[in-house]
Every structure is written in C-alpha cells, then in structure tokens.
Amino acid sequence: MGLFDSVIGAIGAQAGGQGGTDPLQALMGLMNQSGGLPGLLQQLQQGGLGEAVASWISTGPNQAVSADALGQALGGDTVAGFARQLGIDPQQGLGMLAQLLPQVVDGLSPQGRLPEGLGQGGSADLAGMLGGLLGGGGGAGDLGGLLGGLLGKR
C-alpha cells in the first residue's frame, strides 16, 4: 500500500461516519479564511516556515515540515477549525496538513511560481485550478484524484 492509499484510507476511516466535511473542502476553507493561498503562505512564512514554503513553490524538491512547526505557524484555533470540519483530532489534522500542503502548493506552482490572480476568485477559483491539475473538472470533492494527480498515482 503506497502513500496515496494510506492517506486516503486514513482519511476515510477517521472522517467517515462522523459527519465530517470533505478534506479538500476543509483545506479550501482554511485557505479562504487565511486570505486565499497567498495569504496562507504568507502566514506560514511569518511563522518561520519561509524556507519550506519557498521549496514548495520552487521547481526543486519539497522540504518537509513537521506537524508541530505547522501548528505553531497556523495557530491552534485555525488547526482546530480545520480538524473540526473533518471530525478528527487536531493532531491528526496537523499531520494531514503537513502531508497535503507541500503537495498542493507544489502542484499549483509547476513553473516555480504561483499563477497570477490566485486567491482572488475564492474557492471556485482554487477548485478550478486543482481540477486543471487533475486534467478534469474542478471537483472540489475529489481528494483522491487530487492526491493521485499530485503524487503521480491514480
């Protein structure tokens, strides 16, 4: 079982049956409450994760970020809100974000920079961009497709 299957299985087991929101929708909500993806990245940079964020945007390898460092940069209320939407523990939410954020940012910046106007069109704009990464429609509920497309597995 690969990373993709592990993440999807864990998300399904944790969020399934608990009335949780779709993980991609929760991630988009987190981005929107932070001022779009640029606002979220700025918050992470100001929280001491500038080097990691720069690596996610660049064309080089992605630098990993610990769940603890991510939690400090985002703040407890933000993390708790994300986890609550999914019906999971905040620590599990942090682990999920630590895995997903580098992949999503990297996928949205294939040329080593974020696309112009990103974040100004709200979640529909972000969903459309994610859909473009997948080669299909902007299905905001297709976390499996998102991860599969970003990780090169489907």
N, C-alpha and C. Protein backbone atom coordinates (compact mmCIF):
# COMPACT_ATOMS: atom_id res chain seq x y z
N MET A 1 0.85 -1.18 0.00
CA MET A 1 0.00 0.00 0.00
C MET A 1 0.89 1.23 0.00
N GLY A 2 0.70 2.13 -0.99
CA GLY A 2 1.51 3.32 -1.11
C GLY A 2 1.02 4.46 -0.23
N LEU A 3 1.75 5.57 -0.29
CA LEU A 3 1.39 6.75 0.48
C LEU A 3 -0.01 7.23 0.14
N PHE A 4 -0.33 7.25 -1.14
CA PHE A 4 -1.66 7.68 -1.58
C PHE A 4 -2.74 6.85 -0.92
N ASP A 5 -2.62 5.53 -1.00
CA ASP A 5 -3.63 4.65 -0.41
C ASP A 5 -3.69 4.80 1.11
N SER A 6 -2.54 5.00 1.74
CA SER A 6 -2.51 5.17 3.19
C SER A 6 -3.25 6.43 3.62
N VAL A 7 -2.97 7.54 2.93
CA VAL A 7 -3.62 8.80 3.28
C VAL A 7 -5.12 8.71 3.06
N ILE A 8 -5.52 8.20 1.91
CA ILE A 8 -6.95 8.08 1.60
C ILE A 8 -7.63 7.15 2.60
N GLY A 9 -7.00 6.02 2.91
CA GLY A 9 -7.58 5.09 3.87
C GLY A 9 -7.72 5.71 5.25
N ALA A 10 -6.70 6.44 5.68
CA ALA A 10 -6.74 7.08 7.00
C ALA A 10 -7.82 8.15 7.05
N ILE A 11 -7.91 8.94 5.99
CA ILE A 11 -8.94 9.99 5.95
C ILE A 11 -10.32 9.37 5.97
N GLY A 12 -10.51 8.33 5.19
CA GLY A 12 -11.82 7.68 5.14
C GLY A 12 -12.19 7.08 6.48
N ALA A 13 -11.24 6.45 7.15
CA ALA A 13 -11.51 5.82 8.44
C ALA A 13 -11.79 6.86 9.52
N GLN A 14 -11.08 7.98 9.46
CA GLN A 14 -11.22 8.99 10.50
C GLN A 14 -12.45 9.87 10.29
N ALA A 15 -12.68 10.29 9.05
CA ALA A 15 -13.76 11.24 8.79
C ALA A 15 -15.07 10.55 8.44
N GLY A 16 -14.99 9.32 7.97
CA GLY A 16 -16.19 8.63 7.56
C GLY A 16 -17.12 8.36 8.72
N GLY A 17 -18.41 8.65 8.50
CA GLY A 17 -19.40 8.36 9.51
C GLY A 17 -19.42 9.33 10.67
N GLN A 18 -18.56 10.35 10.65
CA GLN A 18 -18.54 11.32 11.73
C GLN A 18 -19.16 12.65 11.31
N GLY A 19 -19.77 12.67 10.13
CA GLY A 19 -20.39 13.89 9.66
C GLY A 19 -19.37 14.93 9.23
N GLY A 20 -18.14 14.52 8.96
CA GLY A 20 -17.10 15.45 8.59
C GLY A 20 -17.24 15.93 7.16
N THR A 21 -16.64 17.07 6.89
CA THR A 21 -16.60 17.67 5.58
C THR A 21 -15.57 16.93 4.74
N ASP A 22 -15.66 17.08 3.43
CA ASP A 22 -14.66 16.54 2.53
C ASP A 22 -13.31 17.21 2.84
N PRO A 23 -12.21 16.46 2.90
CA PRO A 23 -10.91 17.05 3.25
C PRO A 23 -10.47 18.19 2.34
N LEU A 24 -10.73 18.08 1.04
CA LEU A 24 -10.33 19.15 0.14
C LEU A 24 -11.15 20.40 0.41
N GLN A 25 -12.42 20.24 0.71
CA GLN A 25 -13.24 21.41 1.05
C GLN A 25 -12.74 22.06 2.33
N ALA A 26 -12.33 21.26 3.30
CA ALA A 26 -11.78 21.81 4.54
C ALA A 26 -10.48 22.56 4.27
N LEU A 27 -9.64 22.02 3.39
CA LEU A 27 -8.39 22.69 3.03
C LEU A 27 -8.69 24.00 2.31
N MET A 28 -9.66 23.99 1.41
CA MET A 28 -10.02 25.23 0.71
C MET A 28 -10.59 26.24 1.70
N GLY A 29 -11.36 25.78 2.68
CA GLY A 29 -11.88 26.68 3.71
C GLY A 29 -10.76 27.31 4.51
N LEU A 30 -9.75 26.51 4.85
CA LEU A 30 -8.59 27.02 5.57
C LEU A 30 -7.89 28.09 4.75
N MET A 31 -7.73 27.82 3.46
CA MET A 31 -7.07 28.80 2.59
C MET A 31 -7.90 30.08 2.50
N ASN A 32 -9.20 29.94 2.33
CA ASN A 32 -10.06 31.12 2.21
C ASN A 32 -10.06 31.97 3.47
N GLN A 33 -10.08 31.33 4.64
CA GLN A 33 -10.09 32.10 5.89
C GLN A 33 -8.75 32.79 6.12
N SER A 34 -7.72 32.33 5.43
CA SER A 34 -6.38 32.92 5.58
C SER A 34 -6.09 33.96 4.49
N GLY A 35 -7.08 34.27 3.66
CA GLY A 35 -6.86 35.24 2.58
C GLY A 35 -6.43 34.59 1.28
N GLY A 36 -6.91 33.37 1.04
CA GLY A 36 -6.51 32.66 -0.17
C GLY A 36 -5.18 31.96 0.04
N LEU A 37 -4.74 31.28 -0.99
CA LEU A 37 -3.46 30.58 -0.89
C LEU A 37 -2.30 31.54 -0.61
N PRO A 38 -2.24 32.71 -1.28
CA PRO A 38 -1.15 33.63 -0.95
C PRO A 38 -1.15 34.07 0.51
N GLY A 39 -2.34 34.29 1.08
CA GLY A 39 -2.43 34.68 2.49
C GLY A 39 -1.98 33.57 3.41
N LEU A 40 -2.36 32.33 3.08
CA LEU A 40 -1.94 31.19 3.89
C LEU A 40 -0.42 31.03 3.83
N LEU A 41 0.15 31.16 2.64
CA LEU A 41 1.60 31.02 2.50
C LEU A 41 2.33 32.14 3.25
N GLN A 42 1.78 33.35 3.21
CA GLN A 42 2.38 34.45 3.96
C GLN A 42 2.34 34.17 5.46
N GLN A 43 1.23 33.63 5.93
CA GLN A 43 1.11 33.28 7.35
C GLN A 43 2.16 32.24 7.73
N LEU A 44 2.37 31.25 6.87
CA LEU A 44 3.37 30.22 7.14
C LEU A 44 4.78 30.81 7.13
N GLN A 45 5.04 31.72 6.17
CA GLN A 45 6.35 32.36 6.11
C GLN A 45 6.61 33.19 7.36
N GLN A 46 5.62 33.94 7.80
CA GLN A 46 5.77 34.75 9.00
C GLN A 46 5.90 33.89 10.25
N GLY A 47 5.40 32.65 10.18
CA GLY A 47 5.50 31.72 11.29
C GLY A 47 6.80 30.93 11.30
N GLY A 48 7.75 31.31 10.45
CA GLY A 48 9.06 30.67 10.46
C GLY A 48 9.24 29.55 9.45
N LEU A 49 8.28 29.37 8.55
CA LEU A 49 8.37 28.29 7.57
C LEU A 49 8.69 28.80 6.16
N GLY A 50 9.33 29.96 6.08
CA GLY A 50 9.62 30.58 4.79
C GLY A 50 10.46 29.70 3.87
N GLU A 51 11.46 29.04 4.43
CA GLU A 51 12.33 28.19 3.61
C GLU A 51 11.55 27.00 3.05
N ALA A 52 10.70 26.41 3.87
CA ALA A 52 9.88 25.28 3.41
C ALA A 52 8.91 25.73 2.33
N VAL A 53 8.22 26.85 2.56
CA VAL A 53 7.26 27.36 1.58
C VAL A 53 7.96 27.66 0.26
N ALA A 54 9.14 28.27 0.31
CA ALA A 54 9.89 28.56 -0.91
C ALA A 54 10.22 27.28 -1.67
N SER A 55 10.51 26.21 -0.95
CA SER A 55 10.83 24.94 -1.62
C SER A 55 9.60 24.34 -2.28
N TRP A 56 8.42 24.55 -1.70
CA TRP A 56 7.19 24.01 -2.29
C TRP A 56 6.87 24.72 -3.60
N ILE A 57 7.17 26.02 -3.65
CA ILE A 57 6.87 26.81 -4.85
C ILE A 57 7.93 26.58 -5.92
N SER A 58 9.16 26.35 -5.53
CA SER A 58 10.25 26.19 -6.49
C SER A 58 10.07 24.92 -7.31
N THR A 59 10.92 24.76 -8.30
CA THR A 59 10.88 23.55 -9.13
C THR A 59 11.73 22.43 -8.54
N GLY A 60 12.39 22.68 -7.42
CA GLY A 60 13.20 21.66 -6.77
C GLY A 60 12.37 20.79 -5.84
N PRO A 61 13.06 19.96 -5.04
CA PRO A 61 12.35 19.07 -4.11
C PRO A 61 11.65 19.86 -3.00
N ASN A 62 10.56 19.30 -2.51
CA ASN A 62 9.80 19.93 -1.43
C ASN A 62 10.43 19.61 -0.08
N GLN A 63 10.62 20.63 0.73
CA GLN A 63 11.11 20.46 2.09
C GLN A 63 9.93 20.05 2.97
N ALA A 64 10.14 19.02 3.76
CA ALA A 64 9.10 18.58 4.68
C ALA A 64 8.95 19.59 5.81
N VAL A 65 7.77 19.60 6.40
CA VAL A 65 7.51 20.47 7.54
C VAL A 65 6.86 19.61 8.62
N SER A 66 7.28 19.79 9.85
CA SER A 66 6.72 18.99 10.93
C SER A 66 5.33 19.50 11.30
N ALA A 67 4.54 18.60 11.83
CA ALA A 67 3.20 18.97 12.27
C ALA A 67 3.27 20.03 13.37
N ASP A 68 4.25 19.92 14.26
CA ASP A 68 4.39 20.90 15.34
C ASP A 68 4.71 22.29 14.81
N ALA A 69 5.66 22.37 13.87
CA ALA A 69 6.02 23.67 13.29
C ALA A 69 4.84 24.26 12.53
N LEU A 70 4.11 23.43 11.83
CA LEU A 70 2.94 23.88 11.09
C LEU A 70 1.87 24.40 12.06
N GLY A 71 1.67 23.69 13.15
CA GLY A 71 0.70 24.11 14.16
C GLY A 71 1.05 25.45 14.78
N GLN A 72 2.34 25.67 15.03
CA GLN A 72 2.77 26.95 15.60
C GLN A 72 2.55 28.08 14.61
N ALA A 73 2.82 27.82 13.33
CA ALA A 73 2.67 28.87 12.32
C ALA A 73 1.20 29.19 12.05
N LEU A 74 0.34 28.19 12.06
CA LEU A 74 -1.07 28.40 11.77
C LEU A 74 -1.86 28.88 12.98
N GLY A 75 -1.48 28.42 14.15
CA GLY A 75 -2.22 28.76 15.37
C GLY A 75 -3.24 27.69 15.70
N GLY A 76 -3.46 27.50 16.98
CA GLY A 76 -4.34 26.45 17.46
C GLY A 76 -5.78 26.56 16.99
N ASP A 77 -6.32 27.78 16.93
CA ASP A 77 -7.71 27.95 16.51
C ASP A 77 -7.91 27.54 15.06
N THR A 78 -6.97 27.90 14.20
CA THR A 78 -7.07 27.55 12.79
C THR A 78 -7.01 26.05 12.61
N VAL A 79 -6.08 25.41 13.27
CA VAL A 79 -5.93 23.96 13.18
C VAL A 79 -7.17 23.26 13.73
N ALA A 80 -7.66 23.73 14.87
CA ALA A 80 -8.85 23.13 15.47
C ALA A 80 -10.06 23.25 14.55
N GLY A 81 -10.19 24.39 13.88
CA GLY A 81 -11.30 24.58 12.94
C GLY A 81 -11.21 23.63 11.77
N PHE A 82 -10.01 23.44 11.23
CA PHE A 82 -9.80 22.51 10.12
C PHE A 82 -10.17 21.10 10.55
N ALA A 83 -9.65 20.68 11.70
CA ALA A 83 -9.90 19.32 12.19
C ALA A 83 -11.38 19.11 12.52
N ARG A 84 -12.00 20.12 13.08
CA ARG A 84 -13.42 20.02 13.43
C ARG A 84 -14.28 19.79 12.18
N GLN A 85 -13.94 20.46 11.09
CA GLN A 85 -14.68 20.27 9.83
C GLN A 85 -14.60 18.82 9.36
N LEU A 86 -13.50 18.17 9.65
CA LEU A 86 -13.29 16.79 9.22
C LEU A 86 -13.76 15.78 10.25
N GLY A 87 -14.04 16.24 11.46
CA GLY A 87 -14.44 15.32 12.52
C GLY A 87 -13.29 14.50 13.05
N ILE A 88 -12.08 15.09 13.04
CA ILE A 88 -10.89 14.38 13.52
C ILE A 88 -10.20 15.21 14.60
N ASP A 89 -9.26 14.60 15.28
CA ASP A 89 -8.46 15.24 16.31
C ASP A 89 -7.55 16.29 15.66
N PRO A 90 -7.31 17.44 16.32
CA PRO A 90 -6.43 18.46 15.75
C PRO A 90 -5.03 17.94 15.40
N GLN A 91 -4.49 17.03 16.20
CA GLN A 91 -3.16 16.49 15.89
C GLN A 91 -3.19 15.69 14.58
N GLN A 92 -4.28 14.96 14.35
CA GLN A 92 -4.43 14.24 13.08
C GLN A 92 -4.58 15.23 11.93
N GLY A 93 -5.30 16.31 12.17
CA GLY A 93 -5.46 17.35 11.15
C GLY A 93 -4.13 17.97 10.78
N LEU A 94 -3.29 18.21 11.78
CA LEU A 94 -1.95 18.76 11.52
C LEU A 94 -1.11 17.80 10.68
N GLY A 95 -1.18 16.52 11.02
CA GLY A 95 -0.44 15.54 10.23
C GLY A 95 -0.90 15.52 8.78
N MET A 96 -2.21 15.62 8.59
CA MET A 96 -2.76 15.64 7.25
C MET A 96 -2.29 16.89 6.50
N LEU A 97 -2.36 18.04 7.16
CA LEU A 97 -1.92 19.29 6.52
C LEU A 97 -0.43 19.25 6.19
N ALA A 98 0.38 18.67 7.08
CA ALA A 98 1.82 18.59 6.85
C ALA A 98 2.13 17.75 5.61
N GLN A 99 1.28 16.79 5.29
CA GLN A 99 1.47 15.98 4.09
C GLN A 99 0.88 16.65 2.86
N LEU A 100 -0.30 17.25 3.01
CA LEU A 100 -1.02 17.78 1.86
C LEU A 100 -0.51 19.13 1.37
N LEU A 101 -0.22 20.05 2.28
CA LEU A 101 0.14 21.40 1.85
C LEU A 101 1.34 21.44 0.91
N PRO A 102 2.45 20.77 1.21
CA PRO A 102 3.56 20.81 0.25
C PRO A 102 3.17 20.29 -1.13
N GLN A 103 2.35 19.24 -1.17
CA GLN A 103 1.94 18.65 -2.44
C GLN A 103 1.03 19.60 -3.22
N VAL A 104 0.07 20.20 -2.52
CA VAL A 104 -0.88 21.10 -3.18
C VAL A 104 -0.16 22.34 -3.71
N VAL A 105 0.67 22.96 -2.87
CA VAL A 105 1.39 24.17 -3.29
C VAL A 105 2.32 23.84 -4.45
N ASP A 106 3.02 22.73 -4.37
CA ASP A 106 3.91 22.32 -5.45
C ASP A 106 3.13 22.11 -6.74
N GLY A 107 1.98 21.47 -6.64
CA GLY A 107 1.16 21.22 -7.82
C GLY A 107 0.59 22.48 -8.43
N LEU A 108 0.34 23.50 -7.61
CA LEU A 108 -0.20 24.76 -8.11
C LEU A 108 0.89 25.70 -8.62
N SER A 109 2.14 25.33 -8.47
CA SER A 109 3.24 26.19 -8.91
C SER A 109 4.26 25.40 -9.74
N PRO A 110 3.81 24.75 -10.83
CA PRO A 110 4.72 23.89 -11.59
C PRO A 110 5.87 24.64 -12.27
N GLN A 111 5.70 25.93 -12.50
CA GLN A 111 6.76 26.72 -13.14
C GLN A 111 7.64 27.45 -12.12
N GLY A 112 7.49 27.09 -10.85
CA GLY A 112 8.29 27.72 -9.82
C GLY A 112 7.72 29.03 -9.31
N ARG A 113 6.46 29.30 -9.63
CA ARG A 113 5.78 30.50 -9.12
C ARG A 113 4.29 30.24 -9.11
N LEU A 114 3.58 30.95 -8.22
CA LEU A 114 2.13 30.81 -8.15
C LEU A 114 1.50 31.53 -9.34
N PRO A 115 0.42 30.99 -9.89
CA PRO A 115 -0.25 31.64 -11.01
C PRO A 115 -0.78 33.01 -10.61
N GLU A 116 -0.81 33.93 -11.57
CA GLU A 116 -1.35 35.28 -11.35
C GLU A 116 -2.80 35.21 -10.91
N GLY A 117 -3.18 36.07 -9.98
CA GLY A 117 -4.58 36.19 -9.56
C GLY A 117 -5.08 35.08 -8.66
N LEU A 118 -4.22 34.18 -8.25
CA LEU A 118 -4.66 33.08 -7.39
C LEU A 118 -5.14 33.62 -6.06
N GLY A 119 -6.31 33.18 -5.65
CA GLY A 119 -6.85 33.60 -4.37
C GLY A 119 -7.86 34.71 -4.48
N GLN A 120 -7.94 35.38 -5.64
CA GLN A 120 -8.90 36.46 -5.78
C GLN A 120 -10.28 35.96 -6.14
N GLY A 121 -10.37 34.74 -6.69
CA GLY A 121 -11.66 34.21 -7.10
C GLY A 121 -12.28 33.28 -6.09
N GLY A 122 -11.77 33.21 -4.89
CA GLY A 122 -12.36 32.38 -3.85
C GLY A 122 -12.16 30.91 -4.10
N SER A 123 -12.99 30.10 -3.45
CA SER A 123 -12.82 28.65 -3.52
C SER A 123 -13.12 28.10 -4.90
N ALA A 124 -14.00 28.75 -5.66
CA ALA A 124 -14.29 28.27 -7.01
C ALA A 124 -13.05 28.38 -7.87
N ASP A 125 -12.28 29.47 -7.71
CA ASP A 125 -11.04 29.67 -8.44
C ASP A 125 -10.04 28.58 -8.08
N LEU A 126 -9.88 28.31 -6.80
CA LEU A 126 -8.96 27.29 -6.34
C LEU A 126 -9.39 25.91 -6.81
N ALA A 127 -10.69 25.62 -6.71
CA ALA A 127 -11.19 24.32 -7.17
C ALA A 127 -10.94 24.14 -8.65
N GLY A 128 -11.12 25.20 -9.42
CA GLY A 128 -10.85 25.12 -10.86
C GLY A 128 -9.40 24.85 -11.15
N MET A 129 -8.50 25.49 -10.40
CA MET A 129 -7.07 25.26 -10.60
C MET A 129 -6.70 23.83 -10.22
N LEU A 130 -7.26 23.35 -9.12
CA LEU A 130 -6.98 21.97 -8.72
C LEU A 130 -7.53 21.00 -9.76
N GLY A 131 -8.70 21.31 -10.30
CA GLY A 131 -9.26 20.48 -11.36
C GLY A 131 -8.36 20.46 -12.58
N GLY A 132 -7.77 21.60 -12.89
CA GLY A 132 -6.85 21.67 -14.01
C GLY A 132 -5.63 20.80 -13.79
N LEU A 133 -5.16 20.73 -12.55
CA LEU A 133 -4.03 19.86 -12.23
C LEU A 133 -4.36 18.40 -12.51
N LEU A 134 -5.62 18.07 -12.31
CA LEU A 134 -6.06 16.69 -12.46
C LEU A 134 -6.42 16.36 -13.90
N GLY A 135 -6.48 17.38 -14.75
CA GLY A 135 -6.85 17.14 -16.13
C GLY A 135 -8.34 16.94 -16.29
N GLY A 136 -9.13 17.41 -15.33
CA GLY A 136 -10.57 17.26 -15.40
C GLY A 136 -11.25 18.46 -14.81
N GLY A 137 -12.50 18.30 -14.45
CA GLY A 137 -13.26 19.38 -13.86
C GLY A 137 -12.75 19.70 -12.48
N GLY A 138 -13.15 20.84 -11.98
CA GLY A 138 -12.71 21.30 -10.67
C GLY A 138 -13.50 20.66 -9.57
N GLY A 139 -13.48 19.34 -9.50
CA GLY A 139 -14.25 18.64 -8.47
C GLY A 139 -13.65 18.84 -7.11
N ALA A 140 -14.23 19.75 -6.35
CA ALA A 140 -13.68 20.07 -5.04
C ALA A 140 -13.75 18.88 -4.09
N GLY A 141 -14.58 17.90 -4.40
CA GLY A 141 -14.70 16.76 -3.51
C GLY A 141 -13.82 15.59 -3.89
N ASP A 142 -12.93 15.77 -4.85
CA ASP A 142 -12.14 14.67 -5.36
C ASP A 142 -10.74 14.66 -4.77
N LEU A 143 -10.64 14.46 -3.46
CA LEU A 143 -9.33 14.44 -2.81
C LEU A 143 -8.47 13.31 -3.37
N GLY A 144 -9.07 12.17 -3.62
CA GLY A 144 -8.30 11.06 -4.17
C GLY A 144 -7.67 11.41 -5.50
N GLY A 145 -8.43 12.05 -6.35
CA GLY A 145 -7.90 12.48 -7.64
C GLY A 145 -6.82 13.53 -7.47
N LEU A 146 -7.03 14.46 -6.55
CA LEU A 146 -6.04 15.49 -6.28
C LEU A 146 -4.73 14.87 -5.84
N LEU A 147 -4.79 14.03 -4.84
CA LEU A 147 -3.57 13.40 -4.35
C LEU A 147 -2.95 12.50 -5.40
N GLY A 148 -3.79 11.76 -6.10
CA GLY A 148 -3.27 10.88 -7.14
C GLY A 148 -2.56 11.66 -8.22
N GLY A 149 -3.16 12.77 -8.64
CA GLY A 149 -2.54 13.59 -9.67
C GLY A 149 -1.25 14.22 -9.19
N LEU A 150 -1.24 14.71 -7.96
CA LEU A 150 -0.04 15.35 -7.44
C LEU A 150 1.07 14.37 -7.15
N LEU A 151 0.70 13.17 -6.72
CA LEU A 151 1.71 12.17 -6.38
C LEU A 151 2.05 11.27 -7.56
N GLY A 152 1.39 11.48 -8.70
CA GLY A 152 1.68 10.69 -9.88
C GLY A 152 1.07 9.32 -9.86
N LYS A 153 0.06 9.10 -9.02
CA LYS A 153 -0.61 7.80 -8.92
C LYS A 153 -2.09 8.04 -9.02
N ARG A 154 -2.80 7.11 -9.61
CA ARG A 154 -4.24 7.23 -9.71
C ARG A 154 -4.91 5.93 -9.56
